[in-house]
C-alpha atoms as a PDB file:
ATOM      1  CA  UNK A   1      16.584 -12.459 -10.290  1.00  0.00           C
ATOM      2  CA  UNK A   2      17.828 -11.719  -6.767  1.00  0.00           C
ATOM      3  CA  UNK A   3      18.594  -8.113  -7.759  1.00  0.00           C
ATOM      4  CA  UNK A   4      15.085  -7.737  -9.186  1.00  0.00           C
ATOM      5  CA  UNK A   5      13.510  -9.083  -5.992  1.00  0.00           C
ATOM      6  CA  UNK A   6      15.632  -6.717  -3.909  1.00  0.00           C
ATOM      7  CA  UNK A   7      14.416  -3.721  -5.917  1.00  0.00           C
ATOM      8  CA  UNK A   8      10.838  -5.034  -5.859  1.00  0.00           C
ATOM      9  CA  UNK A   9      10.843  -5.127  -2.051  1.00  0.00           C
ATOM     10  CA  UNK A  10      11.608  -1.400  -2.071  1.00  0.00           C
ATOM     11  CA  UNK A  11       8.880  -0.494  -4.571  1.00  0.00           C
ATOM     12  CA  UNK A  12       5.669   0.132  -2.624  1.00  0.00           C
ATOM     13  CA  UNK A  13       3.457   0.483  -5.698  1.00  0.00           C
ATOM     14  CA  UNK A  14       4.660  -2.824  -7.103  1.00  0.00           C
ATOM     15  CA  UNK A  15       4.018  -4.561  -3.775  1.00  0.00           C
ATOM     16  CA  UNK A  16       0.488  -3.190  -3.469  1.00  0.00           C
ATOM     17  CA  UNK A  17      -0.285  -4.180  -7.050  1.00  0.00           C
ATOM     18  CA  UNK A  18       1.112  -7.673  -6.496  1.00  0.00           C
ATOM     19  CA  UNK A  19      -0.999  -8.140  -3.348  1.00  0.00           C
ATOM     20  CA  UNK A  20      -4.176  -6.985  -5.107  1.00  0.00           C
ATOM     21  CA  UNK A  21      -3.433  -9.241  -8.082  1.00  0.00           C
ATOM     22  CA  UNK A  22      -2.822 -12.223  -5.798  1.00  0.00           C
ATOM     23  CA  UNK A  23      -6.113 -11.483  -4.048  1.00  0.00           C
ATOM     24  CA  UNK A  24      -7.895 -11.362  -7.397  1.00  0.00           C
ATOM     25  CA  UNK A  25      -6.315 -14.537  -8.761  1.00  0.00           C
ATOM     26  CA  UNK A  26      -6.625 -16.332  -5.418  1.00  0.00           C
ATOM     27  CA  UNK A  27     -10.340 -15.549  -5.220  1.00  0.00           C
ATOM     28  CA  UNK A  28     -10.857 -16.887  -8.742  1.00  0.00           C
ATOM     29  CA  UNK A  29      -8.938 -20.085  -7.987  1.00  0.00           C
ATOM     30  CA  UNK A  30     -10.725 -20.702  -4.691  1.00  0.00           C
ATOM     31  CA  UNK A  31     -14.072 -20.339  -6.444  1.00  0.00           C
ATOM     32  CA  UNK A  32     -13.177 -23.397  -8.539  1.00  0.00           C
ATOM     33  CA  UNK A  33     -13.399 -25.624  -5.470  1.00  0.00           C
ATOM     34  CA  UNK A  34     -15.428 -23.669  -2.905  1.00  0.00           C
ATOM     35  CA  UNK A  35     -17.950 -20.863  -2.550  1.00  0.00           C
ATOM     36  CA  UNK A  36     -20.167 -20.182   0.509  1.00  0.00           C
ATOM     37  CA  UNK A  37     -23.250 -21.003  -1.568  1.00  0.00           C
ATOM     38  CA  UNK A  38     -23.960 -22.106  -5.110  1.00  0.00           C
ATOM     39  CA  UNK A  39     -23.617 -18.871  -7.072  1.00  0.00           C
ATOM     40  CA  UNK A  40     -26.645 -19.593  -9.267  1.00  0.00           C
ATOM     41  CA  UNK A  41     -28.901 -20.982  -6.521  1.00  0.00           C
ATOM     42  CA  UNK A  42     -32.181 -19.011  -6.303  1.00  0.00           C
ATOM     43  CA  UNK A  43     -33.697 -18.438  -2.852  1.00  0.00           C
ATOM     44  CA  UNK A  44     -36.596 -16.033  -3.325  1.00  0.00           C
ATOM     45  CA  UNK A  45     -37.428 -16.094   0.386  1.00  0.00           C
ATOM     46  CA  UNK A  46     -33.978 -14.696   1.140  1.00  0.00           C
ATOM     47  CA  UNK A  47     -33.825 -11.936  -1.451  1.00  0.00           C
ATOM     48  CA  UNK A  48     -32.228  -8.527  -0.755  1.00  0.00           C
ATOM     49  CA  UNK A  49     -30.903  -9.542   2.651  1.00  0.00           C
ATOM     50  CA  UNK A  50     -28.254  -7.243   4.191  1.00  0.00           C
ATOM     51  CA  UNK A  51     -24.833  -8.442   5.255  1.00  0.00           C
ATOM     52  CA  UNK A  52     -25.028 -11.058   8.001  1.00  0.00           C
ATOM     53  CA  UNK A  53     -23.054 -14.038   9.402  1.00  0.00           C
ATOM     54  CA  UNK A  54     -25.003 -16.294   7.002  1.00  0.00           C
ATOM     55  CA  UNK A  55     -24.465 -14.060   3.949  1.00  0.00           C
ATOM     56  CA  UNK A  56     -21.374 -11.924   4.465  1.00  0.00           C
ATOM     57  CA  UNK A  57     -22.186  -9.546   1.592  1.00  0.00           C
ATOM     58  CA  UNK A  58     -25.957 -10.101   1.599  1.00  0.00           C
ATOM     59  CA  UNK A  59     -28.128 -11.488  -1.182  1.00  0.00           C
ATOM     60  CA  UNK A  60     -29.416 -10.074  -4.461  1.00  0.00           C
ATOM     61  CA  UNK A  61     -32.938  -9.652  -5.833  1.00  0.00           C
ATOM     62  CA  UNK A  62     -33.165 -13.381  -6.541  1.00  0.00           C
ATOM     63  CA  UNK A  63     -31.817 -14.505  -3.196  1.00  0.00           C
ATOM     64  CA  UNK A  64     -28.388 -15.452  -4.573  1.00  0.00           C
ATOM     65  CA  UNK A  65     -25.396 -15.047  -2.274  1.00  0.00           C
ATOM     66  CA  UNK A  66     -23.439 -11.953  -3.350  1.00  0.00           C
ATOM     67  CA  UNK A  67     -20.072 -13.143  -2.033  1.00  0.00           C
ATOM     68  CA  UNK A  68     -20.360 -16.379  -3.998  1.00  0.00           C
ATOM     69  CA  UNK A  69     -21.215 -14.444  -7.156  1.00  0.00           C
ATOM     70  CA  UNK A  70     -18.304 -12.039  -6.596  1.00  0.00           C
ATOM     71  CA  UNK A  71     -15.950 -15.012  -6.308  1.00  0.00           C
ATOM     72  CA  UNK A  72     -17.237 -16.705  -9.465  1.00  0.00           C
ATOM     73  CA  UNK A  73     -17.278 -13.336 -11.229  1.00  0.00           C
ATOM     74  CA  UNK A  74     -13.560 -13.030 -10.504  1.00  0.00           C
ATOM     75  CA  UNK A  75     -13.084 -16.340 -12.292  1.00  0.00           C
ATOM     76  CA  UNK A  76     -15.034 -15.038 -15.288  1.00  0.00           C
ATOM     77  CA  UNK A  77     -12.985 -11.835 -15.459  1.00  0.00           C
ATOM     78  CA  UNK A  78      -9.710 -13.734 -15.055  1.00  0.00           C
ATOM     79  CA  UNK A  79     -10.570 -16.199 -17.829  1.00  0.00           C
ATOM     80  CA  UNK A  80     -11.717 -13.492 -20.237  1.00  0.00           C
ATOM     81  CA  UNK A  81      -8.681 -11.322 -19.519  1.00  0.00           C
ATOM     82  CA  UNK A  82      -6.116 -14.094 -19.836  1.00  0.00           C
ATOM     83  CA  UNK A  83      -7.530 -15.570 -23.028  1.00  0.00           C
ATOM     84  CA  UNK A  84      -8.252 -12.252 -24.745  1.00  0.00           C
ATOM     85  CA  UNK A  85      -4.878 -10.714 -23.899  1.00  0.00           C
ATOM     86  CA  UNK A  86      -3.087 -13.970 -24.722  1.00  0.00           C
ATOM     87  CA  UNK A  87      -4.685 -14.164 -28.166  1.00  0.00           C
ATOM     88  CA  UNK A  88      -4.174 -10.483 -28.893  1.00  0.00           C
ATOM     89  CA  UNK A  89      -0.588 -10.607 -27.716  1.00  0.00           C
ATOM     90  CA  UNK A  90       0.263 -13.701 -29.762  1.00  0.00           C
ATOM     91  CA  UNK A  91      -1.019 -12.230 -33.018  1.00  0.00           C
ATOM     92  CA  UNK A  92       0.072  -8.656 -32.316  1.00  0.00           C
ATOM     93  CA  UNK A  93       3.646  -9.525 -31.352  1.00  0.00           C
ATOM     94  CA  UNK A  94       3.986 -11.695 -34.442  1.00  0.00           C
ATOM     95  CA  UNK A  95       2.732  -8.938 -36.753  1.00  0.00           C
ATOM     96  CA  UNK A  96       4.776  -6.219 -35.067  1.00  0.00           C
ATOM     97  CA  UNK A  97       7.994  -8.209 -35.147  1.00  0.00           C
ATOM     98  CA  UNK A  98       7.358  -9.152 -38.802  1.00  0.00           C
ATOM     99  CA  UNK A  99       6.745  -5.534 -39.780  1.00  0.00           C
ATOM    100  CA  UNK A 100       9.927  -4.363 -38.055  1.00  0.00           C
ATOM    101  CA  UNK A 101      12.017  -7.092 -39.670  1.00  0.00           C
ATOM    102  CA  UNK A 102      10.484  -6.782 -43.142  1.00  0.00           C
ATOM    103  CA  UNK A 103       9.876  -3.029 -43.419  1.00  0.00           C
ATOM    104  CA  UNK A 104       8.504  -1.561 -46.636  1.00  0.00           C
ATOM    105  CA  UNK A 105       4.845  -2.036 -47.474  1.00  0.00           C
ATOM    106  CA  UNK A 106       4.348  -4.542 -44.651  1.00  0.00           C
ATOM    107  CA  UNK A 107       5.414  -1.963 -42.074  1.00  0.00           C
ATOM    108  CA  UNK A 108       3.337   0.752 -43.714  1.00  0.00           C
ATOM    109  CA  UNK A 109       0.213  -1.411 -43.934  1.00  0.00           C
ATOM    110  CA  UNK A 110       0.478  -2.385 -40.260  1.00  0.00           C
ATOM    111  CA  UNK A 111       0.953   1.230 -39.186  1.00  0.00           C
ATOM    112  CA  UNK A 112      -2.055   2.503 -41.137  1.00  0.00           C
ATOM    113  CA  UNK A 113      -4.277  -0.353 -39.948  1.00  0.00           C
ATOM    114  CA  UNK A 114      -3.301   0.339 -36.339  1.00  0.00           C
ATOM    115  CA  UNK A 115      -4.106   4.028 -36.787  1.00  0.00           C
ATOM    116  CA  UNK A 116      -7.539   3.102 -38.127  1.00  0.00           C
ATOM    117  CA  UNK A 117      -8.311   0.814 -35.188  1.00  0.00           C
ATOM    118  CA  UNK A 118      -7.093   3.340 -32.625  1.00  0.00           C
ATOM    119  CA  UNK A 119      -9.524   5.899 -34.026  1.00  0.00           C
ATOM    120  CA  UNK A 120     -12.323   4.000 -32.251  1.00  0.00           C
ATOM    121  CA  UNK A 121     -12.607   3.372 -28.483  1.00  0.00           C
ATOM    122  CA  UNK A 122     -11.965  -0.194 -27.356  1.00  0.00           C
ATOM    123  CA  UNK A 123     -15.397  -0.691 -25.838  1.00  0.00           C
ATOM    124  CA  UNK A 124     -17.079   0.658 -28.988  1.00  0.00           C
ATOM    125  CA  UNK A 125     -15.235  -1.888 -31.133  1.00  0.00           C
ATOM    126  CA  UNK A 126     -16.177  -4.652 -28.709  1.00  0.00           C
ATOM    127  CA  UNK A 127     -19.830  -3.580 -28.763  1.00  0.00           C
ATOM    128  CA  UNK A 128     -19.819  -3.576 -32.566  1.00  0.00           C
ATOM    129  CA  UNK A 129     -18.304  -7.059 -32.804  1.00  0.00           C
ATOM    130  CA  UNK A 130     -20.532  -8.636 -30.153  1.00  0.00           C
ATOM    131  CA  UNK A 131     -23.594  -6.985 -31.674  1.00  0.00           C
ATOM    132  CA  UNK A 132     -22.801  -8.611 -35.018  1.00  0.00           C
ATOM    133  CA  UNK A 133     -21.690 -12.015 -33.726  1.00  0.00           C
ATOM    134  CA  UNK A 134     -24.112 -12.235 -30.804  1.00  0.00           C
ATOM    135  CA  UNK A 135     -23.894 -11.797 -27.054  1.00  0.00           C
ATOM    136  CA  UNK A 136     -21.736 -14.418 -25.336  1.00  0.00           C
ATOM    137  CA  UNK A 137     -18.564 -14.715 -23.286  1.00  0.00           C
ATOM    138  CA  UNK A 138     -16.738 -16.278 -26.260  1.00  0.00           C
ATOM    139  CA  UNK A 139     -17.603 -13.384 -28.557  1.00  0.00           C
ATOM    140  CA  UNK A 140     -16.628 -10.908 -25.847  1.00  0.00           C
ATOM    141  CA  UNK A 141     -13.221 -12.598 -25.634  1.00  0.00           C
ATOM    142  CA  UNK A 142     -12.882 -12.429 -29.419  1.00  0.00           C
ATOM    143  CA  UNK A 143     -13.817  -8.746 -29.485  1.00  0.00           C
ATOM    144  CA  UNK A 144     -11.341  -7.807 -26.759  1.00  0.00           C
ATOM    145  CA  UNK A 145      -8.628  -9.916 -28.403  1.00  0.00           C
ATOM    146  CA  UNK A 146      -9.152  -8.190 -31.765  1.00  0.00           C
ATOM    147  CA  UNK A 147      -8.672  -4.787 -30.147  1.00  0.00           C
ATOM    148  CA  UNK A 148      -5.496  -5.975 -28.412  1.00  0.00           C
ATOM    149  CA  UNK A 149      -3.856  -7.081 -31.669  1.00  0.00           C
ATOM    150  CA  UNK A 150      -2.945  -3.578 -32.962  1.00  0.00           C
ATOM    151  CA  UNK A 151      -1.942  -2.483 -29.460  1.00  0.00           C
ATOM    152  CA  UNK A 152       0.691  -5.202 -29.159  1.00  0.00           C
ATOM    153  CA  UNK A 153       1.620  -4.885 -32.830  1.00  0.00           C
ATOM    154  CA  UNK A 154       2.438  -1.203 -32.465  1.00  0.00           C
ATOM    155  CA  UNK A 155       4.373  -1.656 -29.212  1.00  0.00           C
ATOM    156  CA  UNK A 156       6.331  -4.599 -30.644  1.00  0.00           C
ATOM    157  CA  UNK A 157       7.082  -2.773 -33.882  1.00  0.00           C
ATOM    158  CA  UNK A 158       8.413   0.321 -32.115  1.00  0.00           C
ATOM    159  CA  UNK A 159      10.563  -1.630 -29.674  1.00  0.00           C
ATOM    160  CA  UNK A 160      11.810  -3.980 -32.400  1.00  0.00           C
ATOM    161  CA  UNK A 161      12.835  -1.120 -34.688  1.00  0.00           C
ATOM    162  CA  UNK A 162      14.959   0.255 -31.864  1.00  0.00           C
ATOM    163  CA  UNK A 163      16.607  -3.155 -31.478  1.00  0.00           C
ATOM    164  CA  UNK A 164      17.305  -3.467 -35.204  1.00  0.00           C
ATOM    165  CA  UNK A 165      19.396  -0.295 -35.016  1.00  0.00           C
ATOM    166  CA  UNK A 166      21.594  -1.697 -32.230  1.00  0.00           C
ATOM    167  CA  UNK A 167      25.159  -2.731 -33.017  1.00  0.00           C
ATOM    168  CA  UNK A 168      24.820  -6.363 -31.946  1.00  0.00           C
ATOM    169  CA  UNK A 169      21.828  -6.824 -34.274  1.00  0.00           C
ATOM    170  CA  UNK A 170      23.664  -5.141 -37.135  1.00  0.00           C
ATOM    171  CA  UNK A 171      26.542  -7.497 -36.503  1.00  0.00           C
ATOM    172  CA  UNK A 172      24.186 -10.463 -36.792  1.00  0.00           C
ATOM    173  CA  UNK A 173      22.874  -9.064 -40.088  1.00  0.00           C
ATOM    174  CA  UNK A 174      26.424  -8.631 -41.362  1.00  0.00           C
ATOM    175  CA  UNK A 175      27.125 -12.274 -40.527  1.00  0.00           C
ATOM    176  CA  UNK A 176      24.257 -13.307 -42.798  1.00  0.00           C
ATOM    177  CA  UNK A 177      21.791 -14.368 -40.120  1.00  0.00           C
ATOM    178  CA  UNK A 178      18.184 -14.728 -41.306  1.00  0.00           C
ATOM    179  CA  UNK A 179      15.676 -12.072 -40.120  1.00  0.00           C
ATOM    180  CA  UNK A 180      13.600 -14.728 -38.366  1.00  0.00           C
ATOM    181  CA  UNK A 181      16.587 -16.027 -36.435  1.00  0.00           C
ATOM    182  CA  UNK A 182      17.651 -12.504 -35.466  1.00  0.00           C
ATOM    183  CA  UNK A 183      14.131 -11.707 -34.303  1.00  0.00           C
ATOM    184  CA  UNK A 184      13.832 -14.832 -32.174  1.00  0.00           C
ATOM    185  CA  UNK A 185      17.353 -14.781 -30.764  1.00  0.00           C
ATOM    186  CA  UNK A 186      18.140 -11.091 -30.350  1.00  0.00           C
ATOM    187  CA  UNK A 187      15.080  -8.858 -30.755  1.00  0.00           C
ATOM    188  CA  UNK A 188      12.240 -10.510 -28.842  1.00  0.00           C
ATOM    189  CA  UNK A 189      14.286 -11.476 -25.751  1.00  0.00           C
ATOM    190  CA  UNK A 190      15.433  -7.873 -25.395  1.00  0.00           C
ATOM    191  CA  UNK A 191      11.927  -6.407 -25.594  1.00  0.00           C
ATOM    192  CA  UNK A 192      10.264  -9.032 -23.395  1.00  0.00           C
ATOM    193  CA  UNK A 193      10.118  -6.628 -20.446  1.00  0.00           C
ATOM    194  CA  UNK A 194       8.207  -4.042 -22.485  1.00  0.00           C
ATOM    195  CA  UNK A 195       5.742  -6.673 -23.656  1.00  0.00           C
ATOM    196  CA  UNK A 196       5.174  -7.963 -20.123  1.00  0.00           C
ATOM    197  CA  UNK A 197       4.365  -4.480 -18.880  1.00  0.00           C
ATOM    198  CA  UNK A 198       2.014  -3.875 -21.800  1.00  0.00           C
ATOM    199  CA  UNK A 199       0.290  -7.224 -21.192  1.00  0.00           C
ATOM    200  CA  UNK A 200      -0.341  -6.256 -17.566  1.00  0.00           C
ATOM    201  CA  UNK A 201      -1.894  -2.952 -18.608  1.00  0.00           C
ATOM    202  CA  UNK A 202      -4.020  -4.586 -21.302  1.00  0.00           C
ATOM    203  CA  UNK A 203      -5.211  -7.149 -18.770  1.00  0.00           C
ATOM    204  CA  UNK A 204      -6.714  -4.293 -16.766  1.00  0.00           C
ATOM    205  CA  UNK A 205      -8.310  -2.878 -19.920  1.00  0.00           C
ATOM    206  CA  UNK A 206      -9.737  -6.319 -20.725  1.00  0.00           C
ATOM    207  CA  UNK A 207     -11.367  -6.583 -17.286  1.00  0.00           C
ATOM    208  CA  UNK A 208     -12.983  -3.181 -17.754  1.00  0.00           C
ATOM    209  CA  UNK A 209     -14.121  -4.087 -21.269  1.00  0.00           C
ATOM    210  CA  UNK A 210     -15.599  -7.400 -20.087  1.00  0.00           C
ATOM    211  CA  UNK A 211     -17.434  -5.651 -17.271  1.00  0.00           C
ATOM    212  CA  UNK A 212     -18.764  -3.036 -19.670  1.00  0.00           C
ATOM    213  CA  UNK A 213     -19.957  -5.624 -22.166  1.00  0.00           C
ATOM    214  CA  UNK A 214     -21.618  -7.701 -19.434  1.00  0.00           C
ATOM    215  CA  UNK A 215     -23.291  -4.559 -18.087  1.00  0.00           C
ATOM    216  CA  UNK A 216     -24.746  -3.961 -21.551  1.00  0.00           C
ATOM    217  CA  UNK A 217     -25.821  -7.599 -21.837  1.00  0.00           C
ATOM    218  CA  UNK A 218     -23.210  -8.399 -24.498  1.00  0.00           C
ATOM    219  CA  UNK A 219     -20.767 -10.394 -22.392  1.00  0.00           C
ATOM    220  CA  UNK A 220     -21.222 -13.448 -20.181  1.00  0.00           C
ATOM    221  CA  UNK A 221     -24.867 -14.447 -20.221  1.00  0.00           C
ATOM    222  CA  UNK A 222     -27.008 -15.445 -17.212  1.00  0.00           C
ATOM    223  CA  UNK A 223     -26.811 -17.516 -15.138  1.00  0.00           C
ATOM    224  CA  UNK A 224     -23.005 -17.128 -15.385  1.00  0.00           C
ATOM    225  CA  UNK A 225     -22.012 -14.545 -12.743  1.00  0.00           C
ATOM    226  CA  UNK A 226     -20.012 -11.540 -13.919  1.00  0.00           C
ATOM    227  CA  UNK A 227     -19.177  -8.284 -12.194  1.00  0.00           C
ATOM    228  CA  UNK A 228     -20.646  -6.182 -14.994  1.00  0.00           C
ATOM    229  CA  UNK A 229     -23.847  -8.217 -14.983  1.00  0.00           C
ATOM    230  CA  UNK A 230     -24.132  -7.761 -11.222  1.00  0.00           C
ATOM    231  CA  UNK A 231     -23.866  -4.000 -11.670  1.00  0.00           C
ATOM    232  CA  UNK A 232     -26.590  -4.110 -14.310  1.00  0.00           C
ATOM    233  CA  UNK A 233     -28.915  -6.054 -11.997  1.00  0.00           C
ATOM    234  CA  UNK A 234     -28.117  -3.757  -9.061  1.00  0.00           C
ATOM    235  CA  UNK A 235     -29.171  -0.529 -10.778  1.00  0.00           C
ATOM    236  CA  UNK A 236     -32.877  -1.394 -10.337  1.00  0.00           C
ATOM    237  CA  UNK A 237     -32.396  -1.664  -6.564  1.00  0.00           C
ATOM    238  CA  UNK A 238     -29.878   1.135  -6.100  1.00  0.00           C
ATOM    239  CA  UNK A 239     -32.039   2.924  -3.484  1.00  0.00           C
ATOM    240  CA  UNK A 240     -33.394  -0.190  -1.824  1.00  0.00           C
ATOM    241  CA  UNK A 241     -30.087  -2.102  -1.600  1.00  0.00           C
ATOM    242  CA  UNK A 242     -27.160   0.128  -2.693  1.00  0.00           C
ATOM    243  CA  UNK A 243     -24.607  -2.435  -1.505  1.00  0.00           C
ATOM    244  CA  UNK A 244     -25.517  -4.620  -4.497  1.00  0.00           C
ATOM    245  CA  UNK A 245     -23.701  -2.087  -6.678  1.00  0.00           C
ATOM    246  CA  UNK A 246     -20.913  -1.368  -4.197  1.00  0.00           C
ATOM    247  CA  UNK A 247     -19.418  -4.868  -4.008  1.00  0.00           C
ATOM    248  CA  UNK A 248     -18.989  -5.645  -7.745  1.00  0.00           C
ATOM    249  CA  UNK A 249     -17.905  -2.057  -8.391  1.00  0.00           C
ATOM    250  CA  UNK A 250     -15.292  -2.347  -5.647  1.00  0.00           C
ATOM    251  CA  UNK A 251     -14.106  -5.676  -7.052  1.00  0.00           C
ATOM    252  CA  UNK A 252     -13.612  -4.156 -10.515  1.00  0.00           C
ATOM    253  CA  UNK A 253     -11.840  -1.112  -9.078  1.00  0.00           C
ATOM    254  CA  UNK A 254      -9.434  -3.163  -6.950  1.00  0.00           C
ATOM    255  CA  UNK A 255      -8.613  -5.592  -9.759  1.00  0.00           C
ATOM    256  CA  UNK A 256      -7.910  -2.797 -12.248  1.00  0.00           C
ATOM    257  CA  UNK A 257      -6.003  -0.749  -9.663  1.00  0.00           C
ATOM    258  CA  UNK A 258      -3.846  -3.732  -8.764  1.00  0.00           C
ATOM    259  CA  UNK A 259      -2.993  -4.507 -12.387  1.00  0.00           C
ATOM    260  CA  UNK A 260      -2.200  -0.871 -13.181  1.00  0.00           C
ATOM    261  CA  UNK A 261       0.030  -0.504 -10.117  1.00  0.00           C
ATOM    262  CA  UNK A 262       1.742  -3.790 -10.942  1.00  0.00           C
ATOM    263  CA  UNK A 263       2.289  -2.648 -14.527  1.00  0.00           C
ATOM    264  CA  UNK A 264       3.732   0.694 -13.402  1.00  0.00           C
ATOM    265  CA  UNK A 265       5.953  -1.099 -10.913  1.00  0.00           C
ATOM    266  CA  UNK A 266       7.222  -3.548 -13.521  1.00  0.00           C
ATOM    267  CA  UNK A 267       7.941  -0.676 -15.889  1.00  0.00           C
ATOM    268  CA  UNK A 268      10.029   1.057 -13.213  1.00  0.00           C
ATOM    269  CA  UNK A 269      11.860  -2.130 -12.245  1.00  0.00           C
ATOM    270  CA  UNK A 270      12.561  -3.417 -15.764  1.00  0.00           C
ATOM    271  CA  UNK A 271      13.537  -0.107 -17.387  1.00  0.00           C
ATOM    272  CA  UNK A 272      17.048   0.889 -16.235  1.00  0.00           C
ATOM    273  CA  UNK A 273      16.541   4.472 -17.391  1.00  0.00           C
ATOM    274  CA  UNK A 274      13.527   4.919 -15.135  1.00  0.00           C
ATOM    275  CA  UNK A 275      15.436   3.356 -12.243  1.00  0.00           C
ATOM    276  CA  UNK A 276      18.224   5.883 -12.696  1.00  0.00           C
ATOM    277  CA  UNK A 277      15.737   8.761 -12.904  1.00  0.00           C
ATOM    278  CA  UNK A 278      14.077   7.698  -9.638  1.00  0.00           C
ATOM    279  CA  UNK A 279      17.419   7.312  -7.904  1.00  0.00           C
ATOM    280  CA  UNK A 280      18.470  10.757  -9.123  1.00  0.00           C
END
């Protein structure tokens, strides 16, 4: 752990990503106990106000405090991302590890199903699912989770197959160990770093997908604040109050940038081959 922290202190991209992620998560957590104003409180007499000491980021077309809605929107994005990626990762890792251990028709069926899913963009699949099931935050989470399943399944399968060809795993097979025991004891611990990096990247994708669905009216429903919903509301007033689109757009960009930089940094720090390449 100390060696990892020493390398992390020298990786600028990882540090920037970690700071942006902490800012994102910290904002979401603070919004649980405090916001400058009630995020759903309507004040029609104070609508479309510019930034001021009373409203640091101004107010929207219904007089709601933009900073408060940005803070609560961070909580919405964090919840959707964590739950969707967690569900997708749980199912996908299980299927991928099973396919690698079992092989045969199980492996082939998983590979062909993944190819079919990857033929469609993530947001398109999410739009299709939410259109059928109805527009809500829960259905948005389900849609994003379903897309994440083949992503994690394919990554887990590829990494697990590489582990199954290693000598220490072959030795466990020769000793008569069960495939499940080998997977839990030898395979998954050795590919945990790859899965962590992939989870970080998919978290960023989930935030973008949630924002896109909310923008289209298929994600979190009013009055629940969401960054995508704020962008949708801001487009009507883009010439009158352009800052209404700037703040949620900047929040999405910083959150996704932070997660991507953190993921790239983790990949560099956890993969010894990449570390050697950078040193060379």
